[in-house]
Protein backbone atom coordinates (compact mmCIF):
# COMPACT_ATOMS: atom_id res chain seq x y z
CA MET A 1 52.38 118.12 94.81
CA THR A 2 54.29 117.78 91.43
CA GLU A 3 55.22 114.45 90.32
CA PHE A 4 58.62 113.55 89.56
CA LYS A 5 59.76 110.99 87.16
CA ALA A 6 62.41 109.07 88.97
CA ASP A 7 62.61 106.67 86.26
CA CYS A 8 63.90 109.18 83.76
CA ARG A 9 67.35 109.16 82.57
CA TYR A 10 67.75 112.73 83.33
CA PHE A 11 66.42 112.44 86.93
CA LEU A 12 69.23 113.47 89.20
CA GLY A 13 67.47 112.71 92.60
CA ASP A 14 68.86 115.56 94.62
CA LYS A 15 68.67 118.55 92.24
CA PRO A 16 67.15 119.88 89.24
CA CYS A 17 67.86 118.02 86.02
CA LYS A 18 69.14 119.97 83.06
CA PHE A 19 65.91 120.68 81.08
CA HIS A 20 64.58 122.34 84.32
CA LYS A 21 67.64 124.43 84.32
CA ILE A 22 66.77 125.43 80.77
CA ASP A 23 63.39 126.36 80.77
CA ARG A 24 62.11 125.58 84.35
CA ARG A 25 59.82 122.89 83.01
CA ILE A 26 58.53 120.22 85.45
CA CYS A 27 58.33 116.05 84.99
CA GLU A 28 54.66 116.07 84.03
CA ASN A 29 54.83 117.48 80.62
CA CYS A 30 58.55 117.25 79.70
CA LYS A 31 58.91 116.06 76.20
CA ASP A 32 62.45 114.62 76.90
CA TYR A 33 61.10 112.27 79.62
CA ASP A 34 63.29 109.14 78.57
CA LYS A 35 61.90 106.13 80.62
CA LEU A 36 64.73 104.04 81.53
CA LYS A 37 64.38 100.05 81.48
CA GLU A 38 67.84 98.08 82.81
CA ARG A 39 70.04 99.59 85.37
CA ILE A 40 73.57 98.26 84.77
CA LEU A 41 76.76 98.82 86.73
CA LEU A 42 79.94 98.45 85.21
CA ILE A 43 82.97 98.08 87.53
CA ASN A 44 86.39 98.95 85.93
CA LEU A 45 88.70 101.00 88.28
CA GLU A 46 91.90 102.34 87.63
CA PHE A 47 94.60 101.84 84.67
CA LYS A 48 93.53 104.28 82.12
CA GLY A 49 94.25 102.10 79.15
CA ASP A 50 92.17 99.26 80.60
CA VAL A 51 89.24 101.69 81.13
CA LEU A 52 89.68 103.23 77.64
CA ARG A 53 89.44 99.58 75.85
CA VAL A 54 86.34 98.86 77.99
CA THR A 55 84.37 101.48 76.68
CA SER A 56 84.05 99.42 73.28
CA LEU A 57 81.77 97.29 75.68
CA ILE A 58 79.43 100.13 76.43
CA LYS A 59 78.62 100.09 72.76
CA GLY A 60 77.74 96.59 72.78
CA LEU A 61 75.74 97.04 75.77
CA LYS A 62 73.68 99.82 74.35
CA LYS A 63 73.13 97.74 71.13
CA LYS A 64 71.60 95.26 73.55
CA TYR A 65 69.94 97.34 75.73
CA PRO A 66 69.04 100.69 74.25
CA ASN A 67 67.18 101.75 76.81
CA SER A 68 69.52 101.06 79.93
CA HIS A 69 71.09 103.33 82.34
CA ILE A 70 74.47 102.55 82.66
CA THR A 71 76.59 103.75 85.45
CA TRP A 72 80.46 103.15 85.53
CA ALA A 73 82.40 103.01 88.98
CA VAL A 74 86.03 104.37 88.42
CA GLU A 75 89.07 105.67 90.24
CA GLU A 76 89.61 109.24 90.39
CA ASN A 77 92.66 109.28 88.05
CA SER A 78 90.70 107.60 85.13
CA LYS A 79 87.38 109.37 85.50
CA THR A 80 87.47 111.48 82.31
CA ILE A 81 87.25 108.31 79.97
CA PRO A 82 83.92 107.71 81.12
CA GLU A 83 83.05 111.18 81.79
CA ASN A 84 83.40 112.05 78.09
CA ASN A 85 81.73 109.14 76.95
CA PRO A 86 78.07 110.06 76.10
CA LEU A 87 76.88 106.73 76.33
CA VAL A 88 77.65 106.56 80.11
CA ASP A 89 74.91 107.84 81.91
CA ARG A 90 76.41 108.19 85.40
CA VAL A 91 80.36 108.05 86.87
CA VAL A 92 80.96 107.11 90.31
CA ILE A 93 84.31 107.41 91.99
CA ALA A 94 84.83 104.17 93.73
CA ASP A 95 85.47 105.58 97.34
CA ALA A 96 84.05 104.60 100.60
CA GLU A 97 80.99 106.62 99.90
CA ALA A 98 80.23 104.91 96.79
CA ALA A 99 80.65 101.48 98.64
CA ILE A 100 78.04 102.46 101.13
CA ARG A 101 75.58 103.81 98.11
CA PHE A 102 76.24 100.32 96.27
CA MET A 103 74.99 98.32 99.60
CA VAL A 104 71.65 100.18 98.91
CA GLU A 105 71.21 100.92 95.53
CA GLU A 106 69.84 98.08 93.29
CA PHE A 107 70.95 97.36 89.41
CA ASP A 108 69.40 94.66 87.06
CA ILE A 109 72.92 93.82 85.80
CA LEU A 110 76.34 94.42 87.28
CA ILE A 111 79.38 93.28 85.08
CA ASN A 112 82.63 93.69 87.00
CA LEU A 113 85.70 93.39 84.84
CA ASP A 114 88.52 94.07 87.53
CA LYS A 115 90.15 91.48 89.43
CA ARG A 116 91.46 93.60 92.22
CA SER A 117 90.17 92.66 95.70
CA LYS A 118 88.72 96.30 96.04
CA ALA A 119 86.68 95.91 92.85
CA CYS A 120 85.58 92.45 93.62
CA ALA A 121 84.62 93.36 97.33
CA MET A 122 82.10 96.34 95.88
CA ALA A 123 80.78 93.77 93.08
CA SER A 124 80.00 91.23 95.85
CA LEU A 125 78.32 93.84 98.11
CA VAL A 126 76.18 95.23 95.22
CA LYS A 127 72.59 93.87 94.65
CA ALA A 128 71.97 93.16 91.04
CA GLY A 129 69.47 90.65 89.52
CA GLU A 130 72.24 89.05 87.15
CA LYS A 131 76.44 89.39 87.88
CA LYS A 132 78.92 88.90 85.46
CA GLY A 133 82.58 88.94 85.87
CA PHE A 134 84.45 88.71 89.25
CA GLY A 135 83.30 89.15 92.66
CA LEU A 136 85.13 88.29 96.00
CA GLY A 137 84.41 85.23 98.03
CA GLU A 138 83.94 84.67 101.73
CA ASP A 139 87.55 83.40 101.84
CA GLY A 140 88.88 86.45 100.35
CA ASN A 141 89.79 85.10 97.10
CA ILE A 142 88.33 86.08 93.53
CA LEU A 143 85.24 84.24 92.30
CA CYS A 144 83.74 84.27 88.74
CA PHE A 145 80.01 85.23 88.77
CA ASN A 146 79.58 83.48 85.41
CA LYS A 147 81.60 80.50 83.36
CA GLU A 148 82.15 83.17 80.74
CA ALA A 149 84.44 84.98 83.33
CA GLU A 150 86.43 81.56 83.95
CA LEU A 151 89.07 82.29 81.09
CA LEU A 152 89.87 85.57 81.97
CA TYR A 153 90.46 84.35 85.47
CA ALA A 154 92.47 81.39 84.40
CA MET A 155 94.66 83.61 82.30
CA GLY A 156 95.63 85.68 85.32
CA LEU A 157 96.72 82.53 87.25
CA SER A 158 98.61 80.50 84.35
CA ASP A 159 101.02 82.16 81.91
CA ASP A 160 100.85 79.03 79.80
CA ILE A 161 96.87 79.56 79.59
CA LYS A 162 97.67 83.30 78.64
CA LYS A 163 99.98 82.46 76.06
CA ALA A 164 97.72 79.88 74.20
CA ASN A 165 94.85 82.22 74.36
CA LYS A 166 93.72 83.43 70.86
CA LYS A 167 91.11 85.56 71.63
CA THR A 168 91.50 89.43 71.99
CA TYR A 169 90.75 91.14 75.27
CA GLN A 170 87.33 92.46 73.71
CA GLU A 171 86.21 89.06 72.57
CA ILE A 172 86.84 87.64 76.15
CA ILE A 173 84.95 90.40 78.00
CA PHE A 174 81.82 90.62 75.27
CA GLU A 175 81.43 87.14 76.28
CA MET A 176 81.86 87.70 79.99
CA ALA A 177 78.85 90.26 79.35
CA ASP A 178 76.58 87.99 77.24
CA LEU A 179 77.13 90.18 74.25
CA LYS A 180 78.09 89.43 70.54
CA TYR A 181 81.31 91.02 69.76
CA LYS A 182 81.41 92.76 66.05
CA GLY A 183 84.47 94.67 65.97
CA GLU A 184 83.28 97.39 68.32
CA LYS A 185 86.30 99.96 69.07
CA PRO A 186 86.97 102.09 72.12
CA ASP A 187 85.49 105.48 72.26
CA PHE A 188 87.82 108.61 72.97
CA LYS A 189 86.23 111.91 71.69
CA LEU A 190 88.42 115.03 70.80
CA SER A 191 87.37 117.84 72.20
CA LYS A 192 87.55 121.22 70.08
CA GLU A 193 89.76 122.75 72.37
CA SER A 194 92.01 119.99 71.72
CA LEU A 195 91.61 119.60 67.84
CA ASN A 196 92.40 123.50 67.59
CA PHE A 197 95.68 123.12 69.76
CA SER A 198 96.73 120.12 67.49
CA LYS A 199 95.86 122.35 64.23
CA GLU A 200 98.14 125.06 65.75
CA PHE A 201 100.86 122.26 66.75
CA PHE A 202 100.94 121.16 63.08
CA LYS A 203 101.30 124.55 61.46
CA GLY A 204 103.76 124.04 58.67
CA ILE A 205 103.05 120.38 58.09
CA SER A 206 101.18 119.73 55.05
CA GLU A 207 98.36 117.45 54.89
CA LYS A 208 100.12 115.77 52.23
CA ASP A 209 103.09 114.82 54.47
CA ILE A 210 103.10 111.28 55.70
CA VAL A 211 103.71 111.44 59.54
CA ILE A 212 104.78 108.49 61.64
CA GLY A 213 104.58 108.72 65.26
CA LEU A 214 106.75 106.99 67.47
CA ASN A 215 105.53 106.52 71.12
CA THR A 216 108.59 105.64 73.24
CA GLY A 217 107.01 105.00 76.43
CA CYS A 218 104.88 102.54 78.27
CA GLY A 219 104.83 103.93 81.48
CA SER A 220 106.39 102.45 84.93
CA GLY A 221 103.55 100.18 85.77
CA ILE A 222 103.49 96.51 86.15
CA PHE A 223 105.60 95.65 83.05
CA PRO A 224 108.29 98.64 82.56
CA ASN A 225 110.53 96.21 80.43
CA LYS A 226 108.02 96.50 77.62
CA LYS A 227 110.21 99.37 76.26
CA TRP A 228 111.67 99.13 72.96
CA LEU A 229 115.43 100.71 72.77
CA THR A 230 116.31 104.17 72.38
CA GLU A 231 119.02 103.58 70.01
CA ASN A 232 116.52 101.18 67.91
CA PHE A 233 113.81 104.55 68.00
CA ILE A 234 116.81 106.44 66.96
CA GLU A 235 117.75 104.42 64.06
CA LEU A 236 114.22 103.78 63.11
CA ALA A 237 113.46 107.76 62.98
CA LYS A 238 116.58 108.05 60.78
CA MET A 239 115.11 105.08 58.21
CA ILE A 240 111.59 107.29 58.36
CA ASP A 241 113.36 110.71 57.63
CA ASN A 242 115.66 109.06 54.75
CA ALA A 243 112.25 108.00 52.96
CA GLY A 244 111.10 111.35 52.93
CA MET A 245 108.44 111.09 55.72
CA LYS A 246 108.07 113.06 58.65
CA VAL A 247 108.92 111.54 62.28
CA LEU A 248 106.44 112.56 65.16
CA LEU A 249 107.99 111.97 68.71
CA LEU A 250 105.46 110.90 71.45
CA GLY A 251 105.85 110.24 75.04
CA GLY A 252 104.69 111.25 78.77
CA PRO A 253 106.63 112.68 81.63
CA GLU A 254 108.54 109.49 82.21
CA GLU A 255 110.03 109.52 78.46
CA LYS A 256 111.75 113.23 79.03
CA GLU A 257 115.30 112.09 79.19
CA ARG A 258 114.64 109.46 76.64
CA ASN A 259 112.75 111.70 73.73
CA LYS A 260 115.48 114.46 74.50
CA LYS A 261 118.21 112.15 73.65
CA ILE A 262 116.18 110.85 70.44
CA ALA A 263 115.63 114.77 69.37
CA ASP A 264 119.32 115.42 69.88
CA GLU A 265 120.32 112.90 67.80
CA CYS A 266 117.58 113.39 65.15
CA ASN A 267 117.12 117.37 64.96
CA PHE A 268 114.30 116.47 61.97
CA VAL A 269 111.85 114.69 64.55
CA ILE A 270 108.64 116.80 65.26
CA ASP A 271 108.96 116.78 69.18
CA SER A 272 105.46 116.91 70.74
CA GLY A 273 106.85 117.36 74.19
CA THR A 274 106.27 115.06 77.20
CA ASP A 275 103.71 117.23 79.56
CA ASN A 276 100.39 117.41 77.24
CA THR A 277 97.26 116.65 78.69
CA ILE A 278 95.70 113.18 77.41
CA GLU A 279 93.35 115.22 75.39
CA ASN A 280 95.89 117.38 73.49
CA PHE A 281 98.18 114.19 73.52
CA ALA A 282 95.52 112.19 71.64
CA ALA A 283 94.85 115.18 69.42
CA ILE A 284 98.52 115.12 68.20
CA LEU A 285 98.70 111.43 68.10
CA ASN A 286 95.75 111.79 65.74
CA ARG A 287 97.84 113.25 63.05
CA SER A 288 99.88 110.06 62.61
CA ASN A 289 99.53 107.98 59.36
CA VAL A 290 101.02 105.32 61.36
CA MET A 291 101.99 105.18 65.13
CA VAL A 292 104.54 102.89 66.33
CA THR A 293 104.26 101.65 70.05
CA VAL A 294 104.29 99.30 72.51
CA ASP A 295 100.95 98.12 74.31
CA THR A 296 100.27 101.25 76.55
CA LEU A 297 97.36 103.84 76.60
CA ALA A 298 98.48 105.67 73.61
CA MET A 299 97.97 102.35 71.50
CA HIS A 300 94.38 102.37 72.98
CA ILE A 301 93.91 105.95 72.21
CA ALA A 302 95.20 105.14 68.77
CA THR A 303 92.79 102.48 68.12
CA ALA A 304 89.84 104.49 69.60
CA LEU A 305 91.03 107.24 66.94
CA ASP A 306 91.28 104.83 63.82
CA VAL A 307 95.15 105.55 63.78
CA PRO A 308 96.83 102.50 62.25
CA LEU A 309 99.48 100.77 64.21
CA VAL A 310 102.43 99.00 64.62
CA VAL A 311 102.74 97.64 68.22
CA LEU A 312 105.72 95.53 69.33
CA PHE A 313 105.46 92.73 71.84
CA GLY A 314 108.59 90.91 73.75
CA VAL A 315 107.82 90.24 77.62
CA MET A 316 103.90 90.54 77.02
CA VAL A 317 102.02 88.44 74.01
CA GLY A 318 100.02 90.15 71.35
CA ASN A 319 97.06 87.46 71.20
CA GLU A 320 94.83 89.44 73.32
CA ILE A 321 95.27 93.13 71.82
CA GLU A 322 92.99 94.04 69.41
CA ILE A 323 94.37 96.82 67.25
CA TYR A 324 91.75 96.87 64.58
CA LYS A 325 94.08 98.49 61.74
CA GLY A 326 97.90 97.71 61.46
CA GLU A 327 100.28 94.72 62.39
CA LYS A 328 101.64 93.32 65.76
CA ILE A 329 105.29 92.26 65.95
CA GLN A 330 105.99 89.61 68.38
CA SER A 331 109.86 88.88 69.50
CA LYS A 332 110.79 85.40 67.74
CA LEU A 333 113.08 84.47 70.61
CA ASP A 334 111.72 81.13 72.32
CA CYS A 335 111.39 82.81 75.51
CA SER A 336 108.80 85.52 74.25
CA PRO A 337 106.25 85.88 75.88
CA CYS A 338 107.69 85.46 79.56
CA PHE A 339 105.44 87.47 81.41
CA ASN A 340 108.44 88.20 83.46
CA LYS A 341 108.38 91.58 84.71
CA ASN A 342 111.64 91.00 86.55
CA CYS A 343 113.75 90.37 83.41
CA LYS A 344 116.79 92.47 83.25
CA THR A 345 118.11 91.20 79.99
CA ASN A 346 115.34 92.78 77.53
CA LYS A 347 116.58 90.77 74.96
CA CYS A 348 113.02 89.77 73.55
CA MET A 349 112.82 93.58 72.51
CA ILE A 350 116.24 93.86 71.34
CA SER A 351 115.78 90.99 69.17
CA ILE A 352 113.15 93.42 67.30
CA LYS A 353 115.30 95.38 64.57
CA PRO A 354 114.57 98.44 63.14
CA GLU A 355 114.51 96.85 59.77
CA GLU A 356 111.48 94.80 60.55
CA VAL A 357 109.54 97.70 62.31
CA PHE A 358 110.27 99.96 58.85
CA ASP A 359 109.24 97.27 56.73
CA ALA A 360 106.08 96.80 59.17
CA ILE A 361 105.45 100.62 58.77
CA LYS A 362 105.49 100.42 54.68
CA ARG A 363 103.10 97.67 54.66
CA VAL A 364 100.34 99.39 56.95
CA LEU A 365 100.85 102.50 55.04
CA HIS A 366 100.13 100.75 51.58
CA GLU A 367 97.08 98.82 53.35
CA HIS A 368 95.97 102.12 54.66
CA GLU A 369 96.16 103.85 51.41
CA LYS A 370 94.12 101.18 49.62
CA ASN A 371 91.41 101.68 52.26
């Protein structure tokens, strides 16, 4: 009987590995045998922006544990992000089957960054030598596995603590995972197909043209009132055009009517449409010399692609957002940030004027040119 090496990175357990499929080699004499050491389970489930920015942590884990095997538990709608990350060894969809599996399978290290009850319950069920982040207690409430998780826990319960915090999310999760944060950025790989799509889309646009991306949406999630005014985007677009720069209009399905209004008013914009796949959207976004946005998935994609940013904050606070390149503009109103998803006035976002954003674009462009 052939001896199978279940401790190899490429061992699948229920079917042949990729190397056996290529040349029928067996475990005993495989030159690509890669013995694993630490088995790590990362839980971060649903929101694409959160899933994407957590990819920075994967880099830190691989630096500290180079021979580790990393499993990422994620929801179906966000699975493509870890699936396309070469540092993630296995992606598991967080469903009932996964919950049963994790009651049997053992890990050396578990890290749960997701405070929702489903993720916390899964983390508490998993058998692991070390647990970091959040779990679910017998009383049904969230618990912290380690003291380094207490800050993020408290920020979710107290607006005052969240407002006073000066650490970025990346700094916080690296501390939770007992890692040293050294500016690791999120990972987002552009496929050959998406790059070809972008190249075709920008036919007629010179490499010398300065392109300013305007990402107009923020999704309809917890804080839909993060959006900047349509009228402000129109005024800003005209300023950019008058300065001899190109305007790239970006958005998703929810911005269809909004972007149509902007494009109708500003017939000079390069309208990327609102029905692109995430991969094609990212490839188009990547052409921006600077992108203007609020805190949303597009912002996290831009940070991963090294696109300089101008990010606008009103109801939310910018302290914990790591943008790597660019500037944050926080509303100067005393009520900002209020973290009130039901605020109807939107006066904090109204208070951020197009002139202020345009000046920030020019500063970021200048700084980027120097680098």
